[in-house]
Amino acid sequence: MSSDLLRARIMVSHVDPSVDAEAVLSELRHNVRRLRRGLARRVRLRAVPRLDFRWDDRSDYVQRLQTLIAQGLESTEKGTK
């Protein structure tokens, strides 16, 4: 949220790495008016913030790290046998 509560950046990700990030963001942006109306009914604010959707690629980074760690452990185990 911005300091004046007029903008909200929403980081989006998905557990399936094959999901098309641009398609997801496009769908969210297409429905932003409906999302803001729903938010207005549930949240007591002077103004409903503008919603800015961004893809959060940290989950991709974590997935890559987990794969590398698993590969490293596997090669270490093979070396000790």
PDB file of N, CA and C in Angstrom:
ATOM      1  N   MET A   1       0.843  -1.179   0.000  1.00  0.00           N
ATOM      2  CA  MET A   1       0.000   0.000   0.000  1.00  0.00           C
ATOM      3  C   MET A   1       0.890   1.245   0.000  1.00  0.00           C
ATOM      4  N   SER A   2       0.449   2.222  -0.728  1.00  0.00           N
ATOM      5  CA  SER A   2       1.161   3.491  -0.685  1.00  0.00           C
ATOM      6  C   SER A   2       0.848   4.179   0.645  1.00  0.00           C
ATOM      7  N   SER A   3       1.635   5.168   0.990  1.00  0.00           N
ATOM      8  CA  SER A   3       1.442   5.832   2.280  1.00  0.00           C
ATOM      9  C   SER A   3       0.092   6.550   2.374  1.00  0.00           C
ATOM     10  N   ASP A   4      -0.451   6.992   1.218  1.00  0.00           N
ATOM     11  CA  ASP A   4      -1.754   7.661   1.234  1.00  0.00           C
ATOM     12  C   ASP A   4      -2.925   6.675   1.046  1.00  0.00           C
ATOM     13  N   LEU A   5      -2.619   5.384   0.966  1.00  0.00           N
ATOM     14  CA  LEU A   5      -3.598   4.297   0.823  1.00  0.00           C
ATOM     15  C   LEU A   5      -4.408   4.364  -0.475  1.00  0.00           C
ATOM     16  N   LEU A   6      -3.878   5.044  -1.484  1.00  0.00           N
ATOM     17  CA  LEU A   6      -4.590   5.152  -2.751  1.00  0.00           C
ATOM     18  C   LEU A   6      -4.129   4.136  -3.784  1.00  0.00           C
ATOM     19  N   ARG A   7      -3.008   3.475  -3.537  1.00  0.00           N
ATOM     20  CA  ARG A   7      -2.482   2.467  -4.467  1.00  0.00           C
ATOM     21  C   ARG A   7      -2.059   1.233  -3.688  1.00  0.00           C
ATOM     22  N   ALA A   8      -2.386   0.081  -4.245  1.00  0.00           N
ATOM     23  CA  ALA A   8      -1.980  -1.181  -3.627  1.00  0.00           C
ATOM     24  C   ALA A   8      -1.278  -2.029  -4.686  1.00  0.00           C
ATOM     25  N   ARG A   9      -0.048  -2.393  -4.411  1.00  0.00           N
ATOM     26  CA  ARG A   9       0.679  -3.301  -5.301  1.00  0.00           C
ATOM     27  C   ARG A   9       0.434  -4.715  -4.804  1.00  0.00           C
ATOM     28  N   ILE A  10      -0.049  -5.555  -5.688  1.00  0.00           N
ATOM     29  CA  ILE A  10      -0.384  -6.933  -5.333  1.00  0.00           C
ATOM     30  C   ILE A  10       0.537  -7.857  -6.110  1.00  0.00           C
ATOM     31  N   MET A  11       1.339  -8.605  -5.358  1.00  0.00           N
ATOM     32  CA  MET A  11       2.281  -9.537  -5.968  1.00  0.00           C
ATOM     33  C   MET A  11       1.568 -10.869  -6.161  1.00  0.00           C
ATOM     34  N   VAL A  12       1.639 -11.405  -7.381  1.00  0.00           N
ATOM     35  CA  VAL A  12       0.913 -12.609  -7.762  1.00  0.00           C
ATOM     36  C   VAL A  12       1.904 -13.682  -8.182  1.00  0.00           C
ATOM     37  N   SER A  13       1.633 -14.915  -7.767  1.00  0.00           N
ATOM     38  CA  SER A  13       2.433 -16.046  -8.233  1.00  0.00           C
ATOM     39  C   SER A  13       1.526 -17.262  -8.323  1.00  0.00           C
ATOM     40  N   HIS A  14       2.085 -18.348  -8.796  1.00  0.00           N
ATOM     41  CA  HIS A  14       1.315 -19.576  -8.944  1.00  0.00           C
ATOM     42  C   HIS A  14       2.225 -20.748  -8.628  1.00  0.00           C
ATOM     43  N   VAL A  15       1.678 -21.791  -8.037  1.00  0.00           N
ATOM     44  CA  VAL A  15       2.490 -22.944  -7.660  1.00  0.00           C
ATOM     45  C   VAL A  15       2.931 -23.755  -8.873  1.00  0.00           C
ATOM     46  N   ASP A  16       2.208 -23.654  -9.983  1.00  0.00           N
ATOM     47  CA  ASP A  16       2.563 -24.371 -11.201  1.00  0.00           C
ATOM     48  C   ASP A  16       3.466 -23.474 -12.049  1.00  0.00           C
ATOM     49  N   PRO A  17       4.751 -23.844 -12.217  1.00  0.00           N
ATOM     50  CA  PRO A  17       5.669 -22.975 -12.961  1.00  0.00           C
ATOM     51  C   PRO A  17       5.340 -22.848 -14.448  1.00  0.00           C
ATOM     52  N   SER A  18       4.480 -23.727 -14.981  1.00  0.00           N
ATOM     53  CA  SER A  18       4.145 -23.663 -16.402  1.00  0.00           C
ATOM     54  C   SER A  18       3.035 -22.651 -16.698  1.00  0.00           C
ATOM     55  N   VAL A  19       2.468 -22.042 -15.653  1.00  0.00           N
ATOM     56  CA  VAL A  19       1.399 -21.056 -15.835  1.00  0.00           C
ATOM     57  C   VAL A  19       1.971 -19.819 -16.520  1.00  0.00           C
ATOM     58  N   ASP A  20       1.223 -19.308 -17.489  1.00  0.00           N
ATOM     59  CA  ASP A  20       1.635 -18.114 -18.231  1.00  0.00           C
ATOM     60  C   ASP A  20       1.362 -16.872 -17.377  1.00  0.00           C
ATOM     61  N   ALA A  21       2.424 -16.258 -16.895  1.00  0.00           N
ATOM     62  CA  ALA A  21       2.306 -15.105 -15.999  1.00  0.00           C
ATOM     63  C   ALA A  21       1.546 -13.963 -16.664  1.00  0.00           C
ATOM     64  N   GLU A  22       1.841 -13.693 -17.924  1.00  0.00           N
ATOM     65  CA  GLU A  22       1.167 -12.586 -18.611  1.00  0.00           C
ATOM     66  C   GLU A  22      -0.327 -12.833 -18.749  1.00  0.00           C
ATOM     67  N   ALA A  23      -0.731 -14.078 -18.968  1.00  0.00           N
ATOM     68  CA  ALA A  23      -2.155 -14.397 -19.072  1.00  0.00           C
ATOM     69  C   ALA A  23      -2.859 -14.171 -17.729  1.00  0.00           C
ATOM     70  N   VAL A  24      -2.208 -14.574 -16.654  1.00  0.00           N
ATOM     71  CA  VAL A  24      -2.785 -14.379 -15.315  1.00  0.00           C
ATOM     72  C   VAL A  24      -2.931 -12.890 -15.016  1.00  0.00           C
ATOM     73  N   LEU A  25      -1.868 -12.125 -15.262  1.00  0.00           N
ATOM     74  CA  LEU A  25      -1.913 -10.685 -14.998  1.00  0.00           C
ATOM     75  C   LEU A  25      -2.941  -9.994 -15.882  1.00  0.00           C
ATOM     76  N   SER A  26      -3.034 -10.415 -17.124  1.00  0.00           N
ATOM     77  CA  SER A  26      -4.006  -9.833 -18.046  1.00  0.00           C
ATOM     78  C   SER A  26      -5.429 -10.066 -17.550  1.00  0.00           C
ATOM     79  N   GLU A  27      -5.713 -11.262 -17.069  1.00  0.00           N
ATOM     80  CA  GLU A  27      -7.049 -11.584 -16.552  1.00  0.00           C
ATOM     81  C   GLU A  27      -7.365 -10.756 -15.303  1.00  0.00           C
ATOM     82  N   LEU A  28      -6.402 -10.618 -14.414  1.00  0.00           N
ATOM     83  CA  LEU A  28      -6.618  -9.802 -13.210  1.00  0.00           C
ATOM     84  C   LEU A  28      -6.866  -8.347 -13.577  1.00  0.00           C
ATOM     85  N   ARG A  29      -6.075  -7.820 -14.493  1.00  0.00           N
ATOM     86  CA  ARG A  29      -6.227  -6.422 -14.903  1.00  0.00           C
ATOM     87  C   ARG A  29      -7.554  -6.206 -15.621  1.00  0.00           C
ATOM     88  N   HIS A  30      -7.996  -7.218 -16.358  1.00  0.00           N
ATOM     89  CA  HIS A  30      -9.269  -7.128 -17.058  1.00  0.00           C
ATOM     90  C   HIS A  30     -10.434  -7.037 -16.055  1.00  0.00           C
ATOM     91  N   ASN A  31     -10.296  -7.681 -14.916  1.00  0.00           N
ATOM     92  CA  ASN A  31     -11.348  -7.729 -13.894  1.00  0.00           C
ATOM     93  C   ASN A  31     -11.123  -6.763 -12.740  1.00  0.00           C
ATOM     94  N   VAL A  32     -10.257  -5.789 -12.898  1.00  0.00           N
ATOM     95  CA  VAL A  32      -9.884  -4.917 -11.786  1.00  0.00           C
ATOM     96  C   VAL A  32     -11.075  -4.114 -11.253  1.00  0.00           C
ATOM     97  N   ARG A  33     -11.993  -3.699 -12.115  1.00  0.00           N
ATOM     98  CA  ARG A  33     -13.146  -2.923 -11.630  1.00  0.00           C
ATOM     99  C   ARG A  33     -14.021  -3.768 -10.712  1.00  0.00           C
ATOM    100  N   ARG A  34     -14.259  -5.007 -11.106  1.00  0.00           N
ATOM    101  CA  ARG A  34     -15.072  -5.908 -10.277  1.00  0.00           C
ATOM    102  C   ARG A  34     -14.371  -6.201  -8.949  1.00  0.00           C
ATOM    103  N   LEU A  35     -13.050  -6.377  -9.004  1.00  0.00           N
ATOM    104  CA  LEU A  35     -12.284  -6.632  -7.780  1.00  0.00           C
ATOM    105  C   LEU A  35     -12.335  -5.436  -6.837  1.00  0.00           C
ATOM    106  N   ARG A  36     -12.226  -4.232  -7.385  1.00  0.00           N
ATOM    107  CA  ARG A  36     -12.284  -3.030  -6.550  1.00  0.00           C
ATOM    108  C   ARG A  36     -13.664  -2.844  -5.925  1.00  0.00           C
ATOM    109  N   ARG A  37     -14.720  -3.161  -6.679  1.00  0.00           N
ATOM    110  CA  ARG A  37     -16.078  -3.070  -6.119  1.00  0.00           C
ATOM    111  C   ARG A  37     -16.239  -4.040  -4.953  1.00  0.00           C
ATOM    112  N   GLY A  38     -15.728  -5.261  -5.124  1.00  0.00           N
ATOM    113  CA  GLY A  38     -15.798  -6.238  -4.037  1.00  0.00           C
ATOM    114  C   GLY A  38     -15.010  -5.781  -2.827  1.00  0.00           C
ATOM    115  N   LEU A  39     -13.864  -5.183  -3.077  1.00  0.00           N
ATOM    116  CA  LEU A  39     -13.036  -4.657  -1.999  1.00  0.00           C
ATOM    117  C   LEU A  39     -13.759  -3.516  -1.278  1.00  0.00           C
ATOM    118  N   ALA A  40     -14.414  -2.667  -2.031  1.00  0.00           N
ATOM    119  CA  ALA A  40     -15.135  -1.529  -1.435  1.00  0.00           C
ATOM    120  C   ALA A  40     -16.242  -2.000  -0.493  1.00  0.00           C
ATOM    121  N   ARG A  41     -16.882  -3.131  -0.797  1.00  0.00           N
ATOM    122  CA  ARG A  41     -17.934  -3.650   0.062  1.00  0.00           C
ATOM    123  C   ARG A  41     -17.386  -4.249   1.354  1.00  0.00           C
ATOM    124  N   ARG A  42     -16.115  -4.660   1.349  1.00  0.00           N
ATOM    125  CA  ARG A  42     -15.564  -5.381   2.503  1.00  0.00           C
ATOM    126  C   ARG A  42     -14.626  -4.555   3.380  1.00  0.00           C
ATOM    127  N   VAL A  43     -14.090  -3.474   2.849  1.00  0.00           N
ATOM    128  CA  VAL A  43     -13.069  -2.704   3.558  1.00  0.00           C
ATOM    129  C   VAL A  43     -13.565  -1.279   3.779  1.00  0.00           C
ATOM    130  N   ARG A  44     -13.391  -0.803   4.986  1.00  0.00           N
ATOM    131  CA  ARG A  44     -13.810   0.563   5.316  1.00  0.00           C
ATOM    132  C   ARG A  44     -12.628   1.511   5.140  1.00  0.00           C
ATOM    133  N   LEU A  45     -12.541   2.101   3.959  1.00  0.00           N
ATOM    134  CA  LEU A  45     -11.502   3.085   3.660  1.00  0.00           C
ATOM    135  C   LEU A  45     -12.159   4.318   3.049  1.00  0.00           C
ATOM    136  N   ARG A  46     -11.478   5.431   3.162  1.00  0.00           N
ATOM    137  CA  ARG A  46     -11.975   6.672   2.566  1.00  0.00           C
ATOM    138  C   ARG A  46     -12.107   6.511   1.053  1.00  0.00           C
ATOM    139  N   ALA A  47     -11.119   5.859   0.446  1.00  0.00           N
ATOM    140  CA  ALA A  47     -11.135   5.603  -0.996  1.00  0.00           C
ATOM    141  C   ALA A  47     -10.609   4.194  -1.235  1.00  0.00           C
ATOM    142  N   VAL A  48     -11.168   3.522  -2.226  1.00  0.00           N
ATOM    143  CA  VAL A  48     -10.686   2.182  -2.574  1.00  0.00           C
ATOM    144  C   VAL A  48      -9.403   2.355  -3.388  1.00  0.00           C
ATOM    145  N   PRO A  49      -8.344   1.694  -2.988  1.00  0.00           N
ATOM    146  CA  PRO A  49      -7.071   1.883  -3.685  1.00  0.00           C
ATOM    147  C   PRO A  49      -7.089   1.346  -5.113  1.00  0.00           C
ATOM    148  N   ARG A  50      -6.277   1.947  -5.953  1.00  0.00           N
ATOM    149  CA  ARG A  50      -6.036   1.401  -7.284  1.00  0.00           C
ATOM    150  C   ARG A  50      -5.192   0.148  -7.102  1.00  0.00           C
ATOM    151  N   LEU A  51      -5.513  -0.885  -7.862  1.00  0.00           N
ATOM    152  CA  LEU A  51      -4.819  -2.155  -7.722  1.00  0.00           C
ATOM    153  C   LEU A  51      -3.799  -2.318  -8.843  1.00  0.00           C
ATOM    154  N   ASP A  52      -2.575  -2.564  -8.455  1.00  0.00           N
ATOM    155  CA  ASP A  52      -1.473  -2.739  -9.404  1.00  0.00           C
ATOM    156  C   ASP A  52      -0.946  -4.161  -9.247  1.00  0.00           C
ATOM    157  N   PHE A  53      -1.250  -5.021 -10.211  1.00  0.00           N
ATOM    158  CA  PHE A  53      -0.835  -6.418 -10.134  1.00  0.00           C
ATOM    159  C   PHE A  53       0.544  -6.596 -10.765  1.00  0.00           C
ATOM    160  N   ARG A  54       1.419  -7.283 -10.047  1.00  0.00           N
ATOM    161  CA  ARG A  54       2.774  -7.587 -10.541  1.00  0.00           C
ATOM    162  C   ARG A  54       3.056  -9.064 -10.305  1.00  0.00           C
ATOM    163  N   TRP A  55       3.799  -9.664 -11.215  1.00  0.00           N
ATOM    164  CA  TRP A  55       4.169 -11.067 -11.060  1.00  0.00           C
ATOM    165  C   TRP A  55       5.306 -11.187 -10.066  1.00  0.00           C
ATOM    166  N   ASP A  56       5.167 -12.073  -9.116  1.00  0.00           N
ATOM    167  CA  ASP A  56       6.190 -12.322  -8.102  1.00  0.00           C
ATOM    168  C   ASP A  56       6.987 -13.555  -8.527  1.00  0.00           C
ATOM    169  N   ASP A  57       8.171 -13.325  -9.058  1.00  0.00           N
ATOM    170  CA  ASP A  57       8.968 -14.454  -9.556  1.00  0.00           C
ATOM    171  C   ASP A  57       9.874 -15.051  -8.482  1.00  0.00           C
ATOM    172  N   ARG A  58       9.689 -14.639  -7.251  1.00  0.00           N
ATOM    173  CA  ARG A  58      10.495 -15.226  -6.178  1.00  0.00           C
ATOM    174  C   ARG A  58      10.207 -16.711  -6.018  1.00  0.00           C
ATOM    175  N   SER A  59       8.979 -17.141  -6.303  1.00  0.00           N
ATOM    176  CA  SER A  59       8.666 -18.561  -6.189  1.00  0.00           C
ATOM    177  C   SER A  59       9.457 -19.364  -7.219  1.00  0.00           C
ATOM    178  N   ASP A  60       9.690 -18.794  -8.411  1.00  0.00           N
ATOM    179  CA  ASP A  60      10.523 -19.449  -9.420  1.00  0.00           C
ATOM    180  C   ASP A  60      11.952 -19.576  -8.908  1.00  0.00           C
ATOM    181  N   TYR A  61      12.425 -18.529  -8.259  1.00  0.00           N
ATOM    182  CA  TYR A  61      13.778 -18.519  -7.706  1.00  0.00           C
ATOM    183  C   TYR A  61      13.916 -19.589  -6.624  1.00  0.00           C
ATOM    184  N   VAL A  62      12.940 -19.678  -5.744  1.00  0.00           N
ATOM    185  CA  VAL A  62      12.960 -20.683  -4.670  1.00  0.00           C
ATOM    186  C   VAL A  62      12.937 -22.084  -5.274  1.00  0.00           C
ATOM    187  N   GLN A  63      12.104 -22.280  -6.293  1.00  0.00           N
ATOM    188  CA  GLN A  63      12.021 -23.589  -6.951  1.00  0.00           C
ATOM    189  C   GLN A  63      13.376 -23.971  -7.547  1.00  0.00           C
ATOM    190  N   ARG A  64      14.052 -23.029  -8.201  1.00  0.00           N
ATOM    191  CA  ARG A  64      15.381 -23.307  -8.783  1.00  0.00           C
ATOM    192  C   ARG A  64      16.381 -23.662  -7.701  1.00  0.00           C
ATOM    193  N   LEU A  65      16.345 -22.934  -6.585  1.00  0.00           N
ATOM    194  CA  LEU A  65      17.263 -23.230  -5.485  1.00  0.00           C
ATOM    195  C   LEU A  65      17.012 -24.623  -4.914  1.00  0.00           C
ATOM    196  N   GLN A  66      15.749 -24.978  -4.745  1.00  0.00           N
ATOM    197  CA  GLN A  66      15.426 -26.302  -4.224  1.00  0.00           C
ATOM    198  C   GLN A  66      15.923 -27.401  -5.161  1.00  0.00           C
ATOM    199  N   THR A  67      15.785 -27.191  -6.453  1.00  0.00           N
ATOM    200  CA  THR A  67      16.261 -28.169  -7.439  1.00  0.00           C
ATOM    201  C   THR A  67      17.773 -28.300  -7.357  1.00  0.00           C
ATOM    202  N   LEU A  68      18.481 -27.179  -7.281  1.00  0.00           N
ATOM    203  CA  LEU A  68      19.951 -27.210  -7.197  1.00  0.00           C
ATOM    204  C   LEU A  68      20.414 -27.896  -5.914  1.00  0.00           C
ATOM    205  N   ILE A  69      19.749 -27.613  -4.813  1.00  0.00           N
ATOM    206  CA  ILE A  69      20.111 -28.248  -3.536  1.00  0.00           C
ATOM    207  C   ILE A  69      19.888 -29.756  -3.622  1.00  0.00           C
ATOM    208  N   ALA A  70      18.751 -30.156  -4.192  1.00  0.00           N
ATOM    209  CA  ALA A  70      18.461 -31.587  -4.329  1.00  0.00           C
ATOM    210  C   ALA A  70      19.507 -32.267  -5.208  1.00  0.00           C
ATOM    211  N   GLN A  71      19.899 -31.605  -6.288  1.00  0.00           N
ATOM    212  CA  GLN A  71      20.928 -32.167  -7.169  1.00  0.00           C
ATOM    213  C   GLN A  71      22.268 -32.275  -6.443  1.00  0.00           C
ATOM    214  N   GLY A  72      22.591 -31.259  -5.651  1.00  0.00           N
ATOM    215  CA  GLY A  72      23.843 -31.275  -4.892  1.00  0.00           C
ATOM    216  C   GLY A  72      23.846 -32.395  -3.867  1.00  0.00           C
ATOM    217  N   LEU A  73      22.729 -32.568  -3.170  1.00  0.00           N
ATOM    218  CA  LEU A  73      22.632 -33.646  -2.188  1.00  0.00           C
ATOM    219  C   LEU A  73      22.732 -35.011  -2.869  1.00  0.00           C
ATOM    220  N   GLU A  74      22.105 -35.136  -4.003  1.00  0.00           N
ATOM    221  CA  GLU A  74      22.138 -36.397  -4.737  1.00  0.00           C
ATOM    222  C   GLU A  74      23.561 -36.741  -5.174  1.00  0.00           C
ATOM    223  N   SER A  75      24.291 -35.749  -5.686  1.00  0.00           N
ATOM    224  CA  SER A  75      25.660 -36.019  -6.130  1.00  0.00           C
ATOM    225  C   SER A  75      26.579 -36.278  -4.937  1.00  0.00           C
ATOM    226  N   THR A  76      26.319 -35.667  -3.794  1.00  0.00           N
ATOM    227  CA  THR A  76      27.106 -35.897  -2.581  1.00  0.00           C
ATOM    228  C   THR A  76      26.883 -37.343  -2.086  1.00  0.00           C
ATOM    229  N   GLU A  77      25.617 -37.774  -2.117  1.00  0.00           N
ATOM    230  CA  GLU A  77      25.311 -39.133  -1.686  1.00  0.00           C
ATOM    231  C   GLU A  77      25.943 -40.171  -2.593  1.00  0.00           C
ATOM    232  N   LYS A  78      25.984 -39.890  -3.883  1.00  0.00           N
ATOM    233  CA  LYS A  78      26.623 -40.818  -4.817  1.00  0.00           C
ATOM    234  C   LYS A  78      28.130 -40.886  -4.577  1.00  0.00           C
ATOM    235  N   GLY A  79      28.716 -39.760  -4.200  1.00  0.00           N
ATOM    236  CA  GLY A  79      30.153 -39.705  -3.954  1.00  0.00           C
ATOM    237  C   GLY A  79      30.577 -40.413  -2.685  1.00  0.00           C
ATOM    238  N   THR A  80      29.677 -40.545  -1.710  1.00  0.00           N
ATOM    239  CA  THR A  80      30.022 -41.194  -0.432  1.00  0.00           C
ATOM    240  C   THR A  80      29.765 -42.693  -0.455  1.00  0.00           C
ATOM    241  N   LYS A  81      29.105 -43.190  -1.477  1.00  0.00           N
ATOM    242  CA  LYS A  81      28.787 -44.625  -1.528  1.00  0.00           C
ATOM    243  C   LYS A  81      29.880 -45.394  -2.195  1.00  0.00           C
TER     244      LYS A  81
END
